[in-house]
Protein backbone atom coordinates (compact mmCIF):
# COMPACT_ATOMS: atom_id res chain seq x y z
CA MET A 1 0.00 0.00 0.00
CA SER A 2 1.36 3.41 -0.93
CA TYR A 3 1.83 6.19 1.60
CA ILE A 4 -1.13 8.12 0.16
CA GLN A 5 -3.40 5.06 0.30
CA HIS A 6 -2.31 4.41 3.88
CA LYS A 7 -3.06 8.02 4.91
CA SER A 8 -6.43 7.77 3.18
CA GLU A 9 -7.29 4.64 5.16
CA GLU A 10 -6.22 6.36 8.39
CA SER A 11 -8.57 9.21 7.54
CA VAL A 12 -11.45 6.79 6.92
CA GLU A 13 -10.78 5.10 10.27
CA ASP A 14 -10.60 8.46 12.06
CA TYR A 15 -13.94 9.56 10.61
CA LEU A 16 -15.61 6.26 11.53
CA GLU A 17 -14.19 6.40 15.05
CA THR A 18 -15.41 9.99 15.44
CA ILE A 19 -18.91 9.05 14.29
CA LEU A 20 -18.94 6.21 16.84
CA ILE A 21 -17.83 8.51 19.65
CA LEU A 22 -20.32 11.23 18.70
CA SER A 23 -23.16 8.71 18.45
CA SER A 24 -22.54 7.80 22.10
CA ARG A 25 -22.84 11.47 23.10
CA LEU A 26 -25.50 12.82 20.75
CA PRO A 27 -28.99 11.61 19.83
CA GLN A 28 -28.16 12.12 16.12
CA VAL A 29 -24.87 12.78 14.34
CA ARG A 30 -24.66 15.36 11.56
CA SER A 31 -21.78 16.49 9.34
CA ILE A 32 -21.45 19.73 11.30
CA ASP A 33 -20.94 17.72 14.51
CA ILE A 34 -18.11 15.79 12.85
CA ALA A 35 -16.57 19.00 11.47
CA ASN A 36 -16.66 20.61 14.92
CA GLU A 37 -15.26 17.53 16.68
CA MET A 38 -12.41 17.01 14.22
CA HIS A 39 -11.77 20.73 13.59
CA PHE A 40 -12.23 20.24 9.84
CA SER A 41 -14.14 22.40 7.39
CA LYS A 42 -17.71 21.46 6.52
CA PRO A 43 -16.79 20.98 2.81
CA SER A 44 -13.97 18.57 3.75
CA VAL A 45 -16.34 16.56 5.92
CA SER A 46 -18.96 16.52 3.15
CA VAL A 47 -16.43 15.01 0.73
CA ALA A 48 -15.42 12.43 3.34
CA MET A 49 -19.05 11.50 4.07
CA LYS A 50 -19.64 10.93 0.34
CA ASN A 51 -16.60 8.63 0.30
CA LEU A 52 -17.81 6.73 3.39
CA ARG A 53 -21.29 6.40 1.88
CA ASN A 54 -19.83 5.09 -1.39
CA ARG A 55 -17.86 2.50 0.56
CA ASN A 56 -21.01 1.43 2.45
CA TYR A 57 -19.61 2.49 5.83
CA ILE A 58 -22.38 4.98 6.60
CA THR A 59 -25.92 5.85 5.65
CA VAL A 60 -27.31 9.38 5.63
CA THR A 61 -30.99 10.05 6.22
CA GLU A 62 -33.00 12.66 4.34
CA GLU A 63 -32.61 14.87 7.42
CA GLY A 64 -28.82 14.57 7.20
CA PHE A 65 -28.34 12.23 10.14
CA ILE A 66 -25.34 9.93 9.78
CA CYS A 67 -25.44 6.30 10.90
CA LEU A 68 -22.73 3.67 10.75
CA THR A 69 -23.51 0.54 8.75
CA GLU A 70 -22.60 -2.84 10.20
CA GLN A 71 -19.31 -2.74 8.30
CA GLY A 72 -18.57 0.84 9.36
CA LEU A 73 -19.45 0.05 12.97
CA SER A 74 -17.09 -2.92 12.99
CA ILE A 75 -14.17 -0.81 11.76
CA ALA A 76 -15.01 2.03 14.17
CA GLN A 77 -15.19 -0.31 17.16
CA THR A 78 -11.86 -1.92 16.27
CA VAL A 79 -10.12 1.44 15.94
CA TYR A 80 -11.74 2.79 19.11
CA GLU A 81 -10.73 -0.29 21.12
CA ARG A 82 -7.14 0.10 19.96
CA HIS A 83 -7.13 3.81 20.72
CA SER A 84 -8.65 3.39 24.18
CA LEU A 85 -6.38 0.56 25.26
CA LEU A 86 -3.19 2.08 23.89
CA SER A 87 -3.82 5.56 25.32
CA LYS A 88 -4.71 4.16 28.78
CA TRP A 89 -1.61 1.96 28.74
CA LEU A 90 0.69 4.81 27.74
CA MET A 91 -0.73 6.94 30.56
CA GLN A 92 -0.13 4.05 32.99
CA LEU A 93 3.49 4.10 31.84
CA GLY A 94 3.71 7.77 32.81
CA VAL A 95 3.15 9.40 29.43
CA SER A 96 1.20 12.68 29.66
CA PRO A 97 -2.45 12.37 28.64
CA ASP A 98 -2.09 14.65 25.59
CA THR A 99 0.93 12.76 24.29
CA ALA A 100 -0.61 9.36 25.08
CA VAL A 101 -3.78 10.18 23.13
CA ALA A 102 -1.81 11.60 20.19
CA ASP A 103 0.55 8.62 20.07
CA ALA A 104 -2.29 6.10 20.43
CA CYS A 105 -4.00 7.77 17.47
CA LYS A 106 -0.92 7.08 15.35
CA MET A 107 -0.38 3.54 16.64
CA GLU A 108 -4.00 2.41 16.29
CA HIS A 109 -3.75 2.55 12.49
CA ASP A 110 -0.47 0.75 12.01
CA ILE A 111 -0.44 -2.20 14.39
CA SER A 112 -1.38 -5.58 12.93
CA PRO A 113 -4.27 -7.56 14.41
CA GLU A 114 -1.80 -10.21 15.58
CA SER A 115 0.45 -7.74 17.36
CA PHE A 116 -2.48 -5.84 18.87
CA GLY A 117 -3.96 -9.10 20.19
CA ALA A 118 -0.68 -10.03 21.86
CA LEU A 119 -0.20 -6.52 23.23
CA LYS A 120 -3.78 -6.40 24.49
CA LYS A 121 -3.36 -9.71 26.29
CA HIS A 122 -0.15 -8.50 27.92
CA ILE A 123 -1.54 -5.08 28.87
CA LEU A 124 -4.72 -6.48 30.42
CA LEU A 125 -2.70 -9.03 32.39
CA HIS A 126 -0.27 -6.47 33.80
CA PHE A 127 -2.40 -3.30 33.76
CA PRO A 128 -5.96 -4.31 34.73
CA SER A 129 -6.95 -0.65 35.04
CA CYS A 130 -6.66 -0.41 31.23
CA ARG A 131 -9.77 -2.58 30.82
CA PRO A 132 -12.57 -0.88 28.91
CA GLU A 133 -15.41 0.57 30.94
CA ASP A 134 -18.47 -1.66 31.11
């Protein structure tokens, strides 16, 4: 995969993760909510939403409400789990919260499923406080 393709996939994952997070906080998610959360322009978000819709990751109602499809939800949950676990773990190691969150955001896109599974097992064994909230 080229660098540009990789960055594009990171962007897709970031948008899906943001929609997931916003959907837990808001009754309905709109493009403007995503733009505000990610500090992106509304036109940039509109282009991204068209791309996500074309890839069958989201649906958009007539009212403009954005919902994750089953496929989009699966990707978003995977990325969010990685982000949450990695950022909590880095903070447990003494990394500042801002740096931990920023670094976890980079790591969540690049780690293989095999390596993340092994790391997750190790982290949860040695750092039980990194467990996700129930």
